[in-house]
Structure formats: structure tokens, C-alpha cells
Protein backbone atom coordinates (compact mmCIF):
# COMPACT_ATOMS: atom_id res chain seq x y z
CA MET A 1 74.68 25.27 -53.52
CA PHE A 2 76.04 23.10 -56.31
CA ALA A 3 72.57 21.67 -56.96
CA VAL A 4 71.19 25.17 -57.49
CA VAL A 5 74.02 26.08 -59.87
CA GLU A 6 73.54 22.83 -61.76
CA ARG A 7 69.81 23.46 -62.13
CA LEU A 8 70.43 27.01 -63.36
CA ALA A 9 72.93 25.77 -65.92
CA LEU A 10 70.59 23.04 -67.11
CA ALA A 11 67.70 25.50 -67.33
CA GLY A 12 69.81 27.86 -69.43
CA ILE A 13 70.94 25.08 -71.73
CA GLY A 14 67.38 23.75 -72.00
CA ALA A 15 66.06 27.18 -72.91
CA LEU A 16 68.73 27.46 -75.58
CA ALA A 17 67.72 24.06 -77.00
CA VAL A 18 64.07 25.11 -77.18
CA ILE A 19 64.96 28.38 -78.89
CA THR A 20 67.18 26.54 -81.37
CA GLU A 21 64.40 24.09 -82.21
CA ARG A 22 61.82 26.86 -82.67
CA THR A 23 64.22 28.83 -84.84
CA ASP A 24 64.86 25.78 -86.98
CA ASN A 25 61.10 25.25 -87.42
CA MET A 26 60.58 28.91 -88.29
CA ILE A 27 63.34 28.85 -90.90
CA ARG A 28 61.91 25.66 -92.44
CA GLU A 29 58.47 27.27 -92.66
CA LEU A 30 59.94 30.30 -94.39
CA ALA A 31 61.77 28.07 -96.85
CA GLN A 32 58.60 26.06 -97.56
CA LYS A 33 56.59 29.21 -98.17
CA GLY A 34 59.23 30.34 -100.59
CA GLU A 35 60.01 33.46 -98.60
CA THR A 36 63.64 32.45 -98.47
CA LYS A 37 65.79 30.05 -100.43
CA ARG A 38 66.76 26.77 -98.82
CA GLU A 39 70.49 27.59 -98.82
CA GLU A 40 69.82 31.01 -97.30
CA ALA A 41 67.71 29.33 -94.63
CA ARG A 42 70.50 26.87 -93.79
CA HIS A 43 73.02 29.69 -93.60
CA LEU A 44 70.71 31.69 -91.33
CA PHE A 45 70.18 28.70 -89.06
CA ARG A 46 73.93 27.99 -88.81
CA GLU A 47 74.55 31.63 -87.99
CA LEU A 48 71.88 31.66 -85.29
CA ALA A 49 73.11 28.34 -83.87
CA ALA A 50 76.67 29.68 -83.64
CA LYS A 51 75.43 32.78 -81.84
CA GLY A 52 73.42 30.56 -79.51
CA GLU A 53 76.48 28.47 -78.65
CA GLN A 54 78.43 31.65 -77.94
CA LYS A 55 75.65 32.93 -75.68
CA LYS A 56 75.54 29.57 -73.89
CA ALA A 57 79.28 29.74 -73.20
CA GLU A 58 78.95 33.33 -71.96
CA PHE A 59 76.02 32.31 -69.74
CA LEU A 60 77.95 29.44 -68.17
CA CYS A 61 81.00 31.65 -67.67
CA ARG A 62 78.94 34.34 -65.93
CA LEU A 63 77.19 31.70 -63.85
CA CYS A 64 80.53 30.34 -62.66
CA GLN A 65 81.77 33.82 -61.83
CA LYS A 66 78.64 34.83 -59.94
CA THR A 67 78.37 31.67 -57.90
CA ASN A 68 82.05 31.10 -57.18
CA LEU A 69 81.64 27.64 -58.61
CA LYS A 70 85.32 26.87 -58.04
CA GLU A 71 84.90 27.35 -54.31
CA ALA A 72 81.54 25.58 -54.20
CA LEU A 73 83.12 22.51 -55.76
CA SER A 74 86.28 22.85 -53.67
CA LEU A 75 88.46 23.04 -56.77
CA VAL A 76 92.02 24.35 -56.78
CA THR A 77 94.01 26.07 -59.49
CA ARG A 78 97.24 24.66 -60.90
CA GLU A 79 99.17 27.33 -59.03
CA GLU A 80 97.54 26.35 -55.74
CA LEU A 81 98.29 22.68 -56.43
CA GLU A 82 101.93 23.42 -57.19
CA GLU A 83 102.23 25.51 -54.02
CA LEU A 84 100.83 22.62 -51.98
CA LYS A 85 103.25 20.15 -53.59
CA GLU A 86 106.17 22.42 -52.76
CA ARG A 87 104.96 22.86 -49.19
CA ILE A 88 104.61 19.09 -48.76
CA ALA A 89 108.12 18.58 -50.11
CA ARG A 90 109.53 21.14 -47.64
CA LEU A 91 107.67 19.53 -44.74
CA GLU A 92 108.92 16.07 -45.74
CA GLU A 93 112.49 17.43 -45.80
CA GLN A 94 112.05 18.90 -42.34
CA LEU A 95 110.72 15.59 -41.01
CA ALA A 96 113.57 13.66 -42.61
CA GLN A 97 116.14 15.93 -40.89
CA LYS A 98 114.75 15.21 -37.41
């Protein structure tokens, strides 16, 4: 399951990279044609890149939620780890008393 999730994530990131590159090329063409000023083009590109990064983060977050990535990777939360440490400590105490 992890391989599928990894491929989906990489496909999403790859698609974002392609879109970013095409957007950059389009903005450069507009600037060369004089349809927009160079500084306006840079500002537009930065704005679009920031939105793209936000969308990438949202995509990865949704992907993790939908696939239960935490469970697929057998990860634990801090709370779960602390609970296990406490349980181990209690069990060690019980063994020491016997």
C-alpha cells in the first residue's frame, strides 16, 4: 500500500512541477511580447508558485488522510509512545516486586 501512496504523491508533485514550468514559460513569453512588464511577470509567477506550494501541501495532507498513511507505515503518535513507555515502566515495577 505504501508504494501506491508514494507513487500518487510523486505523481502529484511531478504534475505540479510541470505546471510550474509551463506557467514560468508562459509568463516569460508574455513579458517578451511586451504584454506585461517584467516585474509584473515575476510577481505573477511568485504568486502562482506560492499557490502551487499550498495546493501541494493540501494534496499531500488529503492523501495522508485518505490512505491512513500513519497506519500503513506503522507510525505512532507521541501520546501513544508515552502511553507505551508508562505501561513498560509499570510492568517493570511489577516484575521487580516478584
